[in-house]
């Protein structure tokens, strides 16, 4: 989001009080979705997975449409992460892109208009970055700071760093600081930022690309793939990202990415695994259930066991589940180990 300098004229009496309230409202909108951010490193390298909310994922088709139109289809994941930071997918100006047009915040009156402008603006930043030889994190930070940050980095080594983001904000704020309680900021500097844009912006976007670490190379590969679809809806018969997934479609697709071939249905996957009690299950095993719906087979549901009574499965939506809940305990069959 391109940052505009706010010129607030302090007026005595009732008008001054209203101006103060208006400023507070803007700040609340600007940082509201950043407060749940977690720690991340300064750089994005190879992006293979993304974990954003269902409210953001519902905008994916529109993002893909305009990413294709503006020639940035390979950056759909970054654009979705930007939406997560800017609005959590919940505001009309979902990409907070009105300021990149020189308009006041939240001026665009439809989600599509916001996404179209946001993607176009991002594409312009990509084009500028390529001509000046800077990296992708510079582009991400520039979405918040404006294109001037690309020139700033290009003149200082052409590679993003948090120090450059901080110094840019310091220069443009005149050194004015404000308290910022986001966990990323608290960990980095105790909880403050310069009063110009958000010098943590690249960090805020980066966090949505960091997959959890799992024990074992195979389960890591499986979960890196499966986590791409967290928040997707359950679709009966679904077995592909284009359609979303049902339970066995998700396991089949995800294990295939780790070089493991599974049959298509939960019952057939159960039939080809070594059956073990849940107490002996290890991360990467499958976990099976009966009678979750009337399918005409004994086994009706399957998930990926993660350890500590947690599984990842195509519920509705796709995501994590606690196996100690009364529902899953009622339907539990046990675990299945894939035969190598």
C-alpha atoms as a PDB file:
ATOM      1  CA  UNK A   1       0.000   0.000   0.000  1.00  0.00           C
ATOM      2  CA  UNK A   2       1.434   3.303  -0.974  1.00  0.00           C
ATOM      3  CA  UNK A   3       1.828   5.531   2.042  1.00  0.00           C
ATOM      4  CA  UNK A   4       0.516   9.072   2.009  1.00  0.00           C
ATOM      5  CA  UNK A   5       1.577  11.705   4.518  1.00  0.00           C
ATOM      6  CA  UNK A   6      -1.253  12.628   6.841  1.00  0.00           C
ATOM      7  CA  UNK A   7      -1.678  16.340   7.455  1.00  0.00           C
ATOM      8  CA  UNK A   8      -3.759  16.796  10.547  1.00  0.00           C
ATOM      9  CA  UNK A   9      -4.673  20.319  11.581  1.00  0.00           C
ATOM     10  CA  UNK A  10      -5.361  20.366  15.302  1.00  0.00           C
ATOM     11  CA  UNK A  11      -8.376  22.506  16.051  1.00  0.00           C
ATOM     12  CA  UNK A  12      -9.566  23.432  19.497  1.00  0.00           C
ATOM     13  CA  UNK A  13     -12.906  22.390  20.901  1.00  0.00           C
ATOM     14  CA  UNK A  14     -15.237  19.821  19.393  1.00  0.00           C
ATOM     15  CA  UNK A  15     -13.656  19.824  15.921  1.00  0.00           C
ATOM     16  CA  UNK A  16     -10.255  18.954  17.349  1.00  0.00           C
ATOM     17  CA  UNK A  17     -11.742  16.055  19.283  1.00  0.00           C
ATOM     18  CA  UNK A  18     -13.442  14.706  16.125  1.00  0.00           C
ATOM     19  CA  UNK A  19     -10.191  14.946  14.176  1.00  0.00           C
ATOM     20  CA  UNK A  20      -8.431  12.987  16.877  1.00  0.00           C
ATOM     21  CA  UNK A  21     -11.097  10.262  16.752  1.00  0.00           C
ATOM     22  CA  UNK A  22     -10.788  10.107  12.967  1.00  0.00           C
ATOM     23  CA  UNK A  23      -7.037   9.605  13.183  1.00  0.00           C
ATOM     24  CA  UNK A  24      -7.495   6.804  15.710  1.00  0.00           C
ATOM     25  CA  UNK A  25      -9.990   5.085  13.401  1.00  0.00           C
ATOM     26  CA  UNK A  26      -7.536   5.194  10.494  1.00  0.00           C
ATOM     27  CA  UNK A  27      -4.712   3.759  12.582  1.00  0.00           C
ATOM     28  CA  UNK A  28      -6.980   0.985  13.806  1.00  0.00           C
ATOM     29  CA  UNK A  29      -7.871   0.031  10.223  1.00  0.00           C
ATOM     30  CA  UNK A  30      -4.261   0.260   9.101  1.00  0.00           C
ATOM     31  CA  UNK A  31      -2.797  -2.084  11.682  1.00  0.00           C
ATOM     32  CA  UNK A  32      -5.805  -4.158  12.776  1.00  0.00           C
ATOM     33  CA  UNK A  33      -4.853  -7.277  10.889  1.00  0.00           C
ATOM     34  CA  UNK A  34      -1.178  -7.065  11.792  1.00  0.00           C
ATOM     35  CA  UNK A  35      -1.712  -7.725  15.487  1.00  0.00           C
ATOM     36  CA  UNK A  36      -1.923 -11.516  15.092  1.00  0.00           C
ATOM     37  CA  UNK A  37       1.374 -11.770  13.207  1.00  0.00           C
ATOM     38  CA  UNK A  38       4.080 -14.163  14.331  1.00  0.00           C
ATOM     39  CA  UNK A  39       7.832 -14.170  13.927  1.00  0.00           C
ATOM     40  CA  UNK A  40       9.502 -14.688  10.556  1.00  0.00           C
ATOM     41  CA  UNK A  41      12.878 -14.232   8.935  1.00  0.00           C
ATOM     42  CA  UNK A  42      13.847 -11.228   6.841  1.00  0.00           C
ATOM     43  CA  UNK A  43      13.786 -13.021   3.504  1.00  0.00           C
ATOM     44  CA  UNK A  44      11.499 -15.122   1.374  1.00  0.00           C
ATOM     45  CA  UNK A  45      13.353 -17.646  -0.753  1.00  0.00           C
ATOM     46  CA  UNK A  46      11.556 -20.484  -2.562  1.00  0.00           C
ATOM     47  CA  UNK A  47       7.866 -20.219  -1.773  1.00  0.00           C
ATOM     48  CA  UNK A  48       6.150 -23.584  -1.982  1.00  0.00           C
ATOM     49  CA  UNK A  49       3.302 -23.199   0.500  1.00  0.00           C
ATOM     50  CA  UNK A  50       1.113 -20.582   2.024  1.00  0.00           C
ATOM     51  CA  UNK A  51      -1.071 -20.554   5.102  1.00  0.00           C
ATOM     52  CA  UNK A  52      -3.727 -17.846   5.112  1.00  0.00           C
ATOM     53  CA  UNK A  53      -7.275 -17.613   6.399  1.00  0.00           C
ATOM     54  CA  UNK A  54     -10.410 -18.830   4.651  1.00  0.00           C
ATOM     55  CA  UNK A  55     -11.524 -15.183   4.374  1.00  0.00           C
ATOM     56  CA  UNK A  56      -8.455 -14.541   2.233  1.00  0.00           C
ATOM     57  CA  UNK A  57      -8.655 -17.741   0.202  1.00  0.00           C
ATOM     58  CA  UNK A  58     -12.127 -16.855  -1.031  1.00  0.00           C
ATOM     59  CA  UNK A  59     -10.470 -14.048  -3.011  1.00  0.00           C
ATOM     60  CA  UNK A  60      -8.007 -16.389  -4.732  1.00  0.00           C
ATOM     61  CA  UNK A  61      -9.978 -16.752  -8.013  1.00  0.00           C
ATOM     62  CA  UNK A  62     -10.179 -12.969  -8.392  1.00  0.00           C
ATOM     63  CA  UNK A  63      -6.488 -12.578  -7.540  1.00  0.00           C
ATOM     64  CA  UNK A  64      -5.597 -15.237 -10.099  1.00  0.00           C
ATOM     65  CA  UNK A  65      -7.733 -13.504 -12.727  1.00  0.00           C
ATOM     66  CA  UNK A  66      -5.950 -10.173 -12.413  1.00  0.00           C
ATOM     67  CA  UNK A  67      -2.537 -11.717 -11.796  1.00  0.00           C
ATOM     68  CA  UNK A  68      -2.902 -13.396 -15.187  1.00  0.00           C
ATOM     69  CA  UNK A  69      -4.097 -10.142 -16.775  1.00  0.00           C
ATOM     70  CA  UNK A  70      -1.100  -8.193 -15.455  1.00  0.00           C
ATOM     71  CA  UNK A  71       1.480 -10.929 -16.008  1.00  0.00           C
ATOM     72  CA  UNK A  72       2.251 -11.807 -12.387  1.00  0.00           C
ATOM     73  CA  UNK A  73       0.605 -15.221 -12.023  1.00  0.00           C
ATOM     74  CA  UNK A  74       3.665 -16.630 -10.268  1.00  0.00           C
ATOM     75  CA  UNK A  75       3.083 -14.183  -7.412  1.00  0.00           C
ATOM     76  CA  UNK A  76      -0.460 -15.213  -6.448  1.00  0.00           C
ATOM     77  CA  UNK A  77       0.753 -16.580  -3.105  1.00  0.00           C
ATOM     78  CA  UNK A  78       2.468 -13.291  -2.246  1.00  0.00           C
ATOM     79  CA  UNK A  79      -0.632 -11.341  -3.228  1.00  0.00           C
ATOM     80  CA  UNK A  80      -2.797 -13.508  -0.976  1.00  0.00           C
ATOM     81  CA  UNK A  81      -0.377 -12.967   1.898  1.00  0.00           C
ATOM     82  CA  UNK A  82      -0.579  -9.218   1.273  1.00  0.00           C
ATOM     83  CA  UNK A  83      -4.365  -9.436   1.560  1.00  0.00           C
ATOM     84  CA  UNK A  84      -3.969 -11.294   4.862  1.00  0.00           C
ATOM     85  CA  UNK A  85      -1.812  -8.480   6.226  1.00  0.00           C
ATOM     86  CA  UNK A  86      -3.838  -5.617   4.787  1.00  0.00           C
ATOM     87  CA  UNK A  87      -7.354  -6.711   5.712  1.00  0.00           C
ATOM     88  CA  UNK A  88      -7.551 -10.369   6.627  1.00  0.00           C
ATOM     89  CA  UNK A  89      -9.830 -10.588   3.602  1.00  0.00           C
ATOM     90  CA  UNK A  90     -12.621  -8.811   5.473  1.00  0.00           C
ATOM     91  CA  UNK A  91     -12.659  -5.193   4.232  1.00  0.00           C
ATOM     92  CA  UNK A  92     -14.195  -3.967   0.987  1.00  0.00           C
ATOM     93  CA  UNK A  93     -10.883  -2.383  -0.030  1.00  0.00           C
ATOM     94  CA  UNK A  94      -9.389  -5.797   0.576  1.00  0.00           C
ATOM     95  CA  UNK A  95      -5.894  -4.942  -0.672  1.00  0.00           C
ATOM     96  CA  UNK A  96      -6.001  -1.404   0.744  1.00  0.00           C
ATOM     97  CA  UNK A  97      -4.954  -0.252  -2.713  1.00  0.00           C
ATOM     98  CA  UNK A  98      -6.823   3.045  -2.965  1.00  0.00           C
ATOM     99  CA  UNK A  99      -3.779   4.986  -1.738  1.00  0.00           C
ATOM    100  CA  UNK A 100      -1.713   3.670  -4.648  1.00  0.00           C
ATOM    101  CA  UNK A 101      -4.129   5.673  -6.820  1.00  0.00           C
ATOM    102  CA  UNK A 102      -3.635   8.817  -4.751  1.00  0.00           C
ATOM    103  CA  UNK A 103      -6.988   8.365  -3.016  1.00  0.00           C
ATOM    104  CA  UNK A 104      -7.805   8.345   0.708  1.00  0.00           C
ATOM    105  CA  UNK A 105      -7.721   4.981   2.502  1.00  0.00           C
ATOM    106  CA  UNK A 106     -10.668   2.636   1.865  1.00  0.00           C
ATOM    107  CA  UNK A 107     -11.932   4.687  -1.086  1.00  0.00           C
ATOM    108  CA  UNK A 108     -12.522   1.771  -3.447  1.00  0.00           C
ATOM    109  CA  UNK A 109     -16.082   0.526  -3.272  1.00  0.00           C
ATOM    110  CA  UNK A 110     -15.754  -3.134  -4.251  1.00  0.00           C
ATOM    111  CA  UNK A 111     -13.467  -6.057  -3.526  1.00  0.00           C
ATOM    112  CA  UNK A 112     -12.850  -6.571  -7.233  1.00  0.00           C
ATOM    113  CA  UNK A 113     -11.810  -2.950  -7.739  1.00  0.00           C
ATOM    114  CA  UNK A 114      -9.413  -3.239  -4.825  1.00  0.00           C
ATOM    115  CA  UNK A 115      -7.889  -6.486  -6.079  1.00  0.00           C
ATOM    116  CA  UNK A 116      -7.578  -5.209  -9.633  1.00  0.00           C
ATOM    117  CA  UNK A 117      -5.761  -2.062  -8.501  1.00  0.00           C
ATOM    118  CA  UNK A 118      -3.671  -3.910  -5.917  1.00  0.00           C
ATOM    119  CA  UNK A 119      -2.476  -6.494  -8.405  1.00  0.00           C
ATOM    120  CA  UNK A 120      -1.804  -3.821 -11.031  1.00  0.00           C
ATOM    121  CA  UNK A 121       0.205  -1.813  -8.501  1.00  0.00           C
ATOM    122  CA  UNK A 122       2.163  -4.916  -7.467  1.00  0.00           C
ATOM    123  CA  UNK A 123       2.864  -5.704 -11.141  1.00  0.00           C
ATOM    124  CA  UNK A 124       4.206  -2.167 -11.621  1.00  0.00           C
ATOM    125  CA  UNK A 125       6.483  -2.669  -8.620  1.00  0.00           C
ATOM    126  CA  UNK A 126       7.703  -5.983 -10.047  1.00  0.00           C
ATOM    127  CA  UNK A 127       8.516  -4.311 -13.354  1.00  0.00           C
ATOM    128  CA  UNK A 128      10.408  -1.553 -11.569  1.00  0.00           C
ATOM    129  CA  UNK A 129      12.305  -4.065  -9.432  1.00  0.00           C
ATOM    130  CA  UNK A 130      13.403  -6.035 -12.470  1.00  0.00           C
ATOM    131  CA  UNK A 131      14.715  -2.946 -14.241  1.00  0.00           C
ATOM    132  CA  UNK A 132      16.666  -1.908 -11.134  1.00  0.00           C
ATOM    133  CA  UNK A 133      17.862  -5.332 -10.059  1.00  0.00           C
ATOM    134  CA  UNK A 134      16.382  -5.477  -6.563  1.00  0.00           C
ATOM    135  CA  UNK A 135      14.970  -8.555  -4.856  1.00  0.00           C
ATOM    136  CA  UNK A 136      11.388  -9.623  -4.175  1.00  0.00           C
ATOM    137  CA  UNK A 137      11.332  -8.621  -0.517  1.00  0.00           C
ATOM    138  CA  UNK A 138      12.039  -5.076  -1.658  1.00  0.00           C
ATOM    139  CA  UNK A 139       8.898  -5.292  -3.787  1.00  0.00           C
ATOM    140  CA  UNK A 140       6.851  -6.560  -0.850  1.00  0.00           C
ATOM    141  CA  UNK A 141       8.026  -3.726   1.388  1.00  0.00           C
ATOM    142  CA  UNK A 142       7.433  -1.264  -1.454  1.00  0.00           C
ATOM    143  CA  UNK A 143       3.770  -2.286  -1.543  1.00  0.00           C
ATOM    144  CA  UNK A 144       3.555  -0.540   1.802  1.00  0.00           C
ATOM    145  CA  UNK A 145       6.149   2.213   1.346  1.00  0.00           C
ATOM    146  CA  UNK A 146       5.667   3.040  -2.320  1.00  0.00           C
ATOM    147  CA  UNK A 147       7.947   2.721  -5.323  1.00  0.00           C
ATOM    148  CA  UNK A 148      10.490   5.080  -3.842  1.00  0.00           C
ATOM    149  CA  UNK A 149      11.708   2.250  -1.632  1.00  0.00           C
ATOM    150  CA  UNK A 150      12.816   0.327  -4.739  1.00  0.00           C
ATOM    151  CA  UNK A 151      15.069   3.231  -5.725  1.00  0.00           C
ATOM    152  CA  UNK A 152      16.308   3.481  -2.138  1.00  0.00           C
ATOM    153  CA  UNK A 153      17.365  -0.191  -2.064  1.00  0.00           C
ATOM    154  CA  UNK A 154      18.779  -0.064  -5.592  1.00  0.00           C
ATOM    155  CA  UNK A 155      21.209   2.610  -4.434  1.00  0.00           C
ATOM    156  CA  UNK A 156      22.236   0.624  -1.355  1.00  0.00           C
ATOM    157  CA  UNK A 157      23.240  -2.823  -2.535  1.00  0.00           C
ATOM    158  CA  UNK A 158      20.025  -3.933  -4.303  1.00  0.00           C
ATOM    159  CA  UNK A 159      19.047  -6.394  -1.576  1.00  0.00           C
ATOM    160  CA  UNK A 160      16.327  -5.918   1.020  1.00  0.00           C
ATOM    161  CA  UNK A 161      17.209  -5.830   4.695  1.00  0.00           C
ATOM    162  CA  UNK A 162      15.228  -4.808   7.729  1.00  0.00           C
ATOM    163  CA  UNK A 163      17.856  -2.142   8.448  1.00  0.00           C
ATOM    164  CA  UNK A 164      17.074  -0.512   5.091  1.00  0.00           C
ATOM    165  CA  UNK A 165      13.340  -0.651   5.762  1.00  0.00           C
ATOM    166  CA  UNK A 166      13.912   0.927   9.159  1.00  0.00           C
ATOM    167  CA  UNK A 167      16.200   3.669   7.909  1.00  0.00           C
ATOM    168  CA  UNK A 168      13.744   4.546   5.106  1.00  0.00           C
ATOM    169  CA  UNK A 169      10.960   4.970   7.653  1.00  0.00           C
ATOM    170  CA  UNK A 170      13.212   6.964   9.960  1.00  0.00           C
ATOM    171  CA  UNK A 171      14.082   9.414   7.205  1.00  0.00           C
ATOM    172  CA  UNK A 172      10.469   9.884   6.124  1.00  0.00           C
ATOM    173  CA  UNK A 173       9.086  10.186   9.655  1.00  0.00           C
ATOM    174  CA  UNK A 174      11.710  12.594  10.872  1.00  0.00           C
ATOM    175  CA  UNK A 175      12.617  10.029  13.504  1.00  0.00           C
ATOM    176  CA  UNK A 176       9.163  10.037  15.126  1.00  0.00           C
ATOM    177  CA  UNK A 177       8.364   6.716  16.810  1.00  0.00           C
ATOM    178  CA  UNK A 178       5.144   5.080  17.933  1.00  0.00           C
ATOM    179  CA  UNK A 179       4.417   2.053  20.090  1.00  0.00           C
ATOM    180  CA  UNK A 180       3.757  -1.122  18.085  1.00  0.00           C
ATOM    181  CA  UNK A 181       2.847  -4.250  20.029  1.00  0.00           C
ATOM    182  CA  UNK A 182       2.934  -6.748  17.170  1.00  0.00           C
ATOM    183  CA  UNK A 183       4.911  -9.840  18.293  1.00  0.00           C
ATOM    184  CA  UNK A 184       7.372  -9.438  15.424  1.00  0.00           C
ATOM    185  CA  UNK A 185       8.151  -5.895  16.561  1.00  0.00           C
ATOM    186  CA  UNK A 186       8.320  -6.858  20.227  1.00  0.00           C
ATOM    187  CA  UNK A 187      10.867  -9.560  19.453  1.00  0.00           C
ATOM    188  CA  UNK A 188      12.948  -7.348  17.177  1.00  0.00           C
ATOM    189  CA  UNK A 189      13.088  -4.077  19.062  1.00  0.00           C
ATOM    190  CA  UNK A 190      10.834  -4.265  22.095  1.00  0.00           C
ATOM    191  CA  UNK A 191       7.703  -3.002  20.319  1.00  0.00           C
ATOM    192  CA  UNK A 192       7.948   0.240  18.352  1.00  0.00           C
ATOM    193  CA  UNK A 193       8.087   1.495  14.772  1.00  0.00           C
ATOM    194  CA  UNK A 194       8.747   4.770  13.011  1.00  0.00           C
ATOM    195  CA  UNK A 195       5.608   6.711  12.180  1.00  0.00           C
ATOM    196  CA  UNK A 196       5.780   6.151   8.440  1.00  0.00           C
ATOM    197  CA  UNK A 197       4.199   3.110   6.851  1.00  0.00           C
ATOM    198  CA  UNK A 198       5.187  -0.108   8.558  1.00  0.00           C
ATOM    199  CA  UNK A 199       8.866  -0.994   8.588  1.00  0.00           C
ATOM    200  CA  UNK A 200       7.930  -4.589   9.518  1.00  0.00           C
ATOM    201  CA  UNK A 201       5.770  -5.065   6.428  1.00  0.00           C
ATOM    202  CA  UNK A 202       7.974  -7.627   4.662  1.00  0.00           C
ATOM    203  CA  UNK A 203       8.151  -9.626   7.889  1.00  0.00           C
ATOM    204  CA  UNK A 204       4.377  -9.506   8.251  1.00  0.00           C
ATOM    205  CA  UNK A 205       3.923 -10.918   4.750  1.00  0.00           C
ATOM    206  CA  UNK A 206       6.755 -13.444   5.067  1.00  0.00           C
ATOM    207  CA  UNK A 207       5.245 -15.194   8.052  1.00  0.00           C
ATOM    208  CA  UNK A 208       2.514 -16.776   5.937  1.00  0.00           C
ATOM    209  CA  UNK A 209       5.060 -18.740   3.908  1.00  0.00           C
ATOM    210  CA  UNK A 210       6.742 -20.573   6.738  1.00  0.00           C
ATOM    211  CA  UNK A 211       5.442 -24.115   7.025  1.00  0.00           C
ATOM    212  CA  UNK A 212       5.662 -25.830  10.409  1.00  0.00           C
ATOM    213  CA  UNK A 213       8.526 -28.283  10.775  1.00  0.00           C
ATOM    214  CA  UNK A 214       7.637 -31.964  11.103  1.00  0.00           C
ATOM    215  CA  UNK A 215       9.752 -34.928  12.111  1.00  0.00           C
ATOM    216  CA  UNK A 216      11.034 -36.826   9.103  1.00  0.00           C
ATOM    217  CA  UNK A 217      11.645 -35.825   5.500  1.00  0.00           C
ATOM    218  CA  UNK A 218       8.613 -37.656   4.125  1.00  0.00           C
ATOM    219  CA  UNK A 219       6.041 -36.132   6.464  1.00  0.00           C
ATOM    220  CA  UNK A 220       7.631 -32.717   5.922  1.00  0.00           C
ATOM    221  CA  UNK A 221       7.116 -33.034   2.167  1.00  0.00           C
ATOM    222  CA  UNK A 222       3.576 -34.298   2.658  1.00  0.00           C
ATOM    223  CA  UNK A 223       2.619 -31.460   4.982  1.00  0.00           C
ATOM    224  CA  UNK A 224       4.279 -28.746   2.924  1.00  0.00           C
ATOM    225  CA  UNK A 225       1.902 -29.766   0.151  1.00  0.00           C
ATOM    226  CA  UNK A 226      -1.157 -30.344   2.338  1.00  0.00           C
ATOM    227  CA  UNK A 227      -0.828 -26.981   4.101  1.00  0.00           C
ATOM    228  CA  UNK A 228      -1.218 -25.173   0.798  1.00  0.00           C
ATOM    229  CA  UNK A 229      -4.908 -26.016   0.988  1.00  0.00           C
ATOM    230  CA  UNK A 230      -5.624 -25.102   4.597  1.00  0.00           C
ATOM    231  CA  UNK A 231      -8.920 -23.255   4.686  1.00  0.00           C
ATOM    232  CA  UNK A 232     -10.157 -24.735   1.400  1.00  0.00           C
ATOM    233  CA  UNK A 233     -13.723 -26.115   1.577  1.00  0.00           C
ATOM    234  CA  UNK A 234     -14.472 -29.831   1.693  1.00  0.00           C
ATOM    235  CA  UNK A 235     -15.672 -30.972  -1.744  1.00  0.00           C
ATOM    236  CA  UNK A 236     -17.050 -34.483  -2.085  1.00  0.00           C
ATOM    237  CA  UNK A 237     -15.156 -36.229  -4.887  1.00  0.00           C
ATOM    238  CA  UNK A 238     -12.526 -33.473  -4.994  1.00  0.00           C
ATOM    239  CA  UNK A 239      -8.982 -34.620  -5.699  1.00  0.00           C
ATOM    240  CA  UNK A 240      -7.227 -31.584  -7.177  1.00  0.00           C
ATOM    241  CA  UNK A 241      -6.380 -28.012  -6.107  1.00  0.00           C
ATOM    242  CA  UNK A 242      -8.651 -26.684  -8.852  1.00  0.00           C
ATOM    243  CA  UNK A 243     -11.671 -28.366  -7.263  1.00  0.00           C
ATOM    244  CA  UNK A 244     -10.514 -28.602  -3.636  1.00  0.00           C
ATOM    245  CA  UNK A 245     -10.524 -31.985  -1.918  1.00  0.00           C
ATOM    246  CA  UNK A 246     -12.394 -34.611  -0.008  1.00  0.00           C
ATOM    247  CA  UNK A 247     -10.532 -36.558   2.692  1.00  0.00           C
ATOM    248  CA  UNK A 248      -8.903 -39.268   0.583  1.00  0.00           C
ATOM    249  CA  UNK A 249      -8.357 -36.870  -2.309  1.00  0.00           C
ATOM    250  CA  UNK A 250      -6.240 -34.670  -0.037  1.00  0.00           C
ATOM    251  CA  UNK A 251      -4.164 -37.555   1.310  1.00  0.00           C
ATOM    252  CA  UNK A 252      -3.672 -39.064  -2.135  1.00  0.00           C
ATOM    253  CA  UNK A 253      -2.579 -35.717  -3.630  1.00  0.00           C
ATOM    254  CA  UNK A 254      -0.292 -34.756  -0.734  1.00  0.00           C
ATOM    255  CA  UNK A 255       1.484 -38.113  -0.424  1.00  0.00           C
ATOM    256  CA  UNK A 256       1.958 -38.220  -4.182  1.00  0.00           C
ATOM    257  CA  UNK A 257       4.079 -35.072  -3.859  1.00  0.00           C
ATOM    258  CA  UNK A 258       6.362 -37.052  -1.551  1.00  0.00           C
ATOM    259  CA  UNK A 259       6.612 -39.872  -4.094  1.00  0.00           C
ATOM    260  CA  UNK A 260       4.067 -42.148  -2.401  1.00  0.00           C
ATOM    261  CA  UNK A 261       1.143 -43.540  -4.397  1.00  0.00           C
ATOM    262  CA  UNK A 262      -2.130 -44.109  -2.534  1.00  0.00           C
ATOM    263  CA  UNK A 263      -5.486 -45.412  -3.808  1.00  0.00           C
ATOM    264  CA  UNK A 264      -8.342 -42.978  -4.231  1.00  0.00           C
ATOM    265  CA  UNK A 265     -10.819 -43.767  -1.421  1.00  0.00           C
ATOM    266  CA  UNK A 266     -10.492 -43.890   2.361  1.00  0.00           C
ATOM    267  CA  UNK A 267     -11.512 -47.548   2.423  1.00  0.00           C
ATOM    268  CA  UNK A 268      -8.920 -48.509  -0.179  1.00  0.00           C
ATOM    269  CA  UNK A 269      -6.226 -46.500   1.585  1.00  0.00           C
ATOM    270  CA  UNK A 270      -7.084 -48.366   4.779  1.00  0.00           C
ATOM    271  CA  UNK A 271      -6.847 -51.670   2.918  1.00  0.00           C
ATOM    272  CA  UNK A 272      -3.264 -51.050   1.746  1.00  0.00           C
ATOM    273  CA  UNK A 273      -1.840 -49.846   5.072  1.00  0.00           C
ATOM    274  CA  UNK A 274      -0.515 -51.737   8.082  1.00  0.00           C
ATOM    275  CA  UNK A 275      -3.132 -51.321  10.808  1.00  0.00           C
ATOM    276  CA  UNK A 276      -1.811 -50.100  14.177  1.00  0.00           C
ATOM    277  CA  UNK A 277      -3.422 -48.577  17.287  1.00  0.00           C
ATOM    278  CA  UNK A 278      -3.347 -44.827  17.534  1.00  0.00           C
ATOM    279  CA  UNK A 279      -1.018 -45.079  20.547  1.00  0.00           C
ATOM    280  CA  UNK A 280       1.674 -46.466  18.221  1.00  0.00           C
ATOM    281  CA  UNK A 281       1.121 -43.961  15.424  1.00  0.00           C
ATOM    282  CA  UNK A 282       3.905 -41.655  14.260  1.00  0.00           C
ATOM    283  CA  UNK A 283       3.712 -38.397  12.302  1.00  0.00           C
ATOM    284  CA  UNK A 284       3.047 -39.256   8.673  1.00  0.00           C
ATOM    285  CA  UNK A 285       0.850 -42.260   9.405  1.00  0.00           C
ATOM    286  CA  UNK A 286      -2.779 -42.134   8.308  1.00  0.00           C
ATOM    287  CA  UNK A 287      -5.671 -42.186  10.765  1.00  0.00           C
ATOM    288  CA  UNK A 288      -9.001 -43.750   9.835  1.00  0.00           C
ATOM    289  CA  UNK A 289     -12.633 -43.357  10.927  1.00  0.00           C
ATOM    290  CA  UNK A 290     -15.928 -45.172  10.443  1.00  0.00           C
ATOM    291  CA  UNK A 291     -19.553 -44.064  10.120  1.00  0.00           C
ATOM    292  CA  UNK A 292     -18.877 -40.359   9.606  1.00  0.00           C
ATOM    293  CA  UNK A 293     -21.468 -40.588   6.822  1.00  0.00           C
ATOM    294  CA  UNK A 294     -23.334 -43.325   4.972  1.00  0.00           C
ATOM    295  CA  UNK A 295     -20.919 -44.368   2.232  1.00  0.00           C
ATOM    296  CA  UNK A 296     -21.635 -48.083   1.990  1.00  0.00           C
ATOM    297  CA  UNK A 297     -18.126 -48.894   3.267  1.00  0.00           C
ATOM    298  CA  UNK A 298     -16.684 -49.446   6.730  1.00  0.00           C
ATOM    299  CA  UNK A 299     -14.030 -46.719   6.453  1.00  0.00           C
ATOM    300  CA  UNK A 300     -15.498 -43.312   5.678  1.00  0.00           C
ATOM    301  CA  UNK A 301     -12.806 -40.763   6.575  1.00  0.00           C
ATOM    302  CA  UNK A 302      -9.017 -40.459   6.620  1.00  0.00           C
ATOM    303  CA  UNK A 303      -6.559 -37.858   7.890  1.00  0.00           C
ATOM    304  CA  UNK A 304      -2.814 -37.336   8.292  1.00  0.00           C
ATOM    305  CA  UNK A 305      -1.514 -38.063  11.800  1.00  0.00           C
ATOM    306  CA  UNK A 306       0.839 -35.379  13.160  1.00  0.00           C
ATOM    307  CA  UNK A 307       1.544 -36.646  16.650  1.00  0.00           C
ATOM    308  CA  UNK A 308       0.214 -35.596  20.064  1.00  0.00           C
ATOM    309  CA  UNK A 309      -3.347 -36.552  19.094  1.00  0.00           C
ATOM    310  CA  UNK A 310      -3.460 -34.050  16.247  1.00  0.00           C
ATOM    311  CA  UNK A 311      -4.338 -34.698  12.622  1.00  0.00           C
ATOM    312  CA  UNK A 312      -4.635 -32.672   9.459  1.00  0.00           C
ATOM    313  CA  UNK A 313      -7.616 -33.550   7.296  1.00  0.00           C
ATOM    314  CA  UNK A 314     -10.164 -32.452   4.745  1.00  0.00           C
ATOM    315  CA  UNK A 315     -12.845 -31.398   7.153  1.00  0.00           C
ATOM    316  CA  UNK A 316     -14.880 -28.382   6.236  1.00  0.00           C
ATOM    317  CA  UNK A 317     -12.705 -26.422   5.902  1.00  0.00           C
ATOM    318  CA  UNK A 318      -9.427 -28.295   5.448  1.00  0.00           C
ATOM    319  CA  UNK A 319      -7.252 -27.962   8.532  1.00  0.00           C
ATOM    320  CA  UNK A 320      -6.131 -29.356  11.870  1.00  0.00           C
ATOM    321  CA  UNK A 321      -8.276 -31.461  14.202  1.00  0.00           C
ATOM    322  CA  UNK A 322      -7.958 -32.671  17.795  1.00  0.00           C
ATOM    323  CA  UNK A 323      -8.357 -36.445  17.970  1.00  0.00           C
ATOM    324  CA  UNK A 324      -9.309 -36.326  21.648  1.00  0.00           C
ATOM    325  CA  UNK A 325     -12.627 -34.631  20.818  1.00  0.00           C
ATOM    326  CA  UNK A 326     -15.745 -36.706  21.478  1.00  0.00           C
ATOM    327  CA  UNK A 327     -16.679 -36.738  17.785  1.00  0.00           C
ATOM    328  CA  UNK A 328     -13.422 -38.207  16.531  1.00  0.00           C
ATOM    329  CA  UNK A 329     -13.187 -40.632  19.441  1.00  0.00           C
ATOM    330  CA  UNK A 330     -16.670 -41.934  18.619  1.00  0.00           C
ATOM    331  CA  UNK A 331     -15.692 -42.718  15.019  1.00  0.00           C
ATOM    332  CA  UNK A 332     -12.012 -43.663  15.420  1.00  0.00           C
ATOM    333  CA  UNK A 333     -10.809 -46.936  13.914  1.00  0.00           C
ATOM    334  CA  UNK A 334      -7.082 -46.495  14.389  1.00  0.00           C
ATOM    335  CA  UNK A 335      -3.971 -45.608  12.440  1.00  0.00           C
ATOM    336  CA  UNK A 336      -2.511 -47.036   9.260  1.00  0.00           C
ATOM    337  CA  UNK A 337       1.174 -47.134   8.337  1.00  0.00           C
ATOM    338  CA  UNK A 338       1.992 -46.946   4.657  1.00  0.00           C
ATOM    339  CA  UNK A 339       3.875 -50.037   3.527  1.00  0.00           C
ATOM    340  CA  UNK A 340       7.155 -49.200   1.816  1.00  0.00           C
END
